[in-house]
Amino acid sequence: MKVKSTRVKKGGSSHRYNPSHLNYVTGSPLRTIVFGTIGSLLMMFGSFGVGWLASASPLNSIEWIIPLRYSVKGLVASVIMVAVGGMMMCREWLRLSQKMPLWDASSKKWTWAAIIAWSLPQLIAFPLFSRDIFSYFAQGRVMQSGLNPYEFGVSSVSGFFQYGADPMWAQSPPPYGPVFLWLAELVAILAGSNVDAGIYMLRGLAVAGCLLIAVYVPKLARLHDINPTRALWLVVANPLFIAQFVTAGHNDALMTGFMIAGIYYAARWRNWAGGISGVTLVTLAVAVKPIAIVVLPFIGLLWAGRGANWMRRFIFWAISGLIFIAEMALMGWMNGLGFGWIGALSTTEGQYIWYAPVGFVAWIGGIWAHNTLDVPSAEIREHIGSFGKLIGMGLATLLMFVGKDKHLIKRAGFALGCVVLFSPMIQSWYLLWFIPLIAVAGIRTGHQLDFYFLTTLFFMIYAIADQLSVSPYLDDFDTNMARLIAAIISIAYASYLLFLDPATRRVLRTRRRQSVFDLVI
């Protein structure tokens, strides 16, 4: 039977509406959660073949792991599982929003069910998308040896290469704060020579950060009169969040968790209790990863209160700064690392990536300078990258002075976003520093949400195809071939979602999507 479409007027305009469209935006989310869990399980099984392992890990010699990691068939199957699984999670994340347009109490239960079901397999998976977690363990071993990681690279400890750390960290100081190095030392002590135990403990620290984010994102959303469940879905159920903060185990999760908790208390209690709590928690975030210092001035503004004059703002900036310096000094004195983290901030200098706007300009500029002016490309890239960082920090500083008080948390998010956007190196997990702050202030259903969807898809595709662990001892298969397979599958899947899938292709059809949602509501 052919169903006739009808025209519905909304806001002075009309949209053509076919009742059969409701099949794609209503119904129980259970099927969506189940299929998302299948995607997560596929990614987990694929990680056993192309996830990162230390060469010293006894997991390499497990009987059923060997054919996955050291045969072409096993590697190809693993790549396919990672790519398909990751993109399945993207699809079901989109579908979850279509099945919960009301974002009511029932939606909260389903959202948490999705977060837990999709994250649990990643707790077991071998690290994917990055091998930074191995460098955390190596730096913990440096601390365990009684050495200062800001002065001695991970190569100072015997057998560092066997423990999986990227050679780039051999002589480089870690761009992390004293609290995280403390925690990494504790993990190294508890794990001993068992690198796998150490990796899973470090992932546990990342999960602790995820829990902080999951708790405080809804709380911050409520302060902005934004639906807390929708904010939770935007941030924590996002497959990019799960991939980078759970699977990869980045310490950025712990930093972001402390940072968001600090902002919440400073915004919730705009008095001395909230100010001191906010500064202390943000100081802990800086002591995990120093980039969190960008939001410290906004804590001072929240503490100063609504309608504060400039004198009062500068006073509370000064108070916040003094507390921060005192607490960092205390932590540096307790573990003997002092303020070594300041010098370590230059560790990432000279790095760039093609999809970052400044990184692209640096790449093109380096080629032009080398071919035209006979100037070393690296020198030009470094100058362009430094200039981009200055612009980013300048814009972040401007946001301290310009804007309404009610937009302070969004301004803090934009400040972090400016630092990221104008950096020559943008890693996918950098976006997760500021996305929570923007989400709690409101991401509108429309072009803003469309852009967020597309950004998630892009960085998931890049993450899936970027860092895969492939044995260098295979004659007829290498890392580039694995990346090509992963890229083709994930791009094809994303194209299907955007242009062919009867449900998710509505992602880029904002007017139709909104009209259908209005009718459901």
Foldseek 3Di string as FASTA:
>chain_A
DDFDWDWDDDPNDIDIGTVVLVVQQADDLPVLLVQLLQLLLLLQQLLLAWFDDFLPAPSCVPPVSVCLHPPPVNNLSSLLSNLSSLLSLLLSLLSLCSHCLPLDPVSLVVLVSSLCSNQVSLLNGHAALDQVLLLLLLLLVCLLVVHQLLQAFSLVDPPSRSSRDDCLRRGARDLFALVSSVVSVVLCVVCPPNSVSSSSVLLVLLVVLLVLLLVLLLLLLVVLVHSSSVLSSLFRSQSLNSNCSRNNSDLLSNLLSLQSVLVSLLQVDLEPVSLLSSLVSLLVSCNGHVLSVLCQLLSLVSNLDAPRDPVSSVVSSVVSVVSSLVVSQVSCVVSVNGVSSVVSNCSCQLDADCVQPLLVVLQVVLVCCCVPVVDHSSVSSRVSQVVLQVQLQVQSVVLSPDDHPSCSLVSSLVSLVSNQNSGRDHASCSNSSRSSSNVSNPQDQDVSQLVSSVSSLVNSLCSSLPRTHHDPPDPPDDSNNSSVSSNVSSVVSVCCQCPPPSRNVCSNVRVNSVVSSVVVD
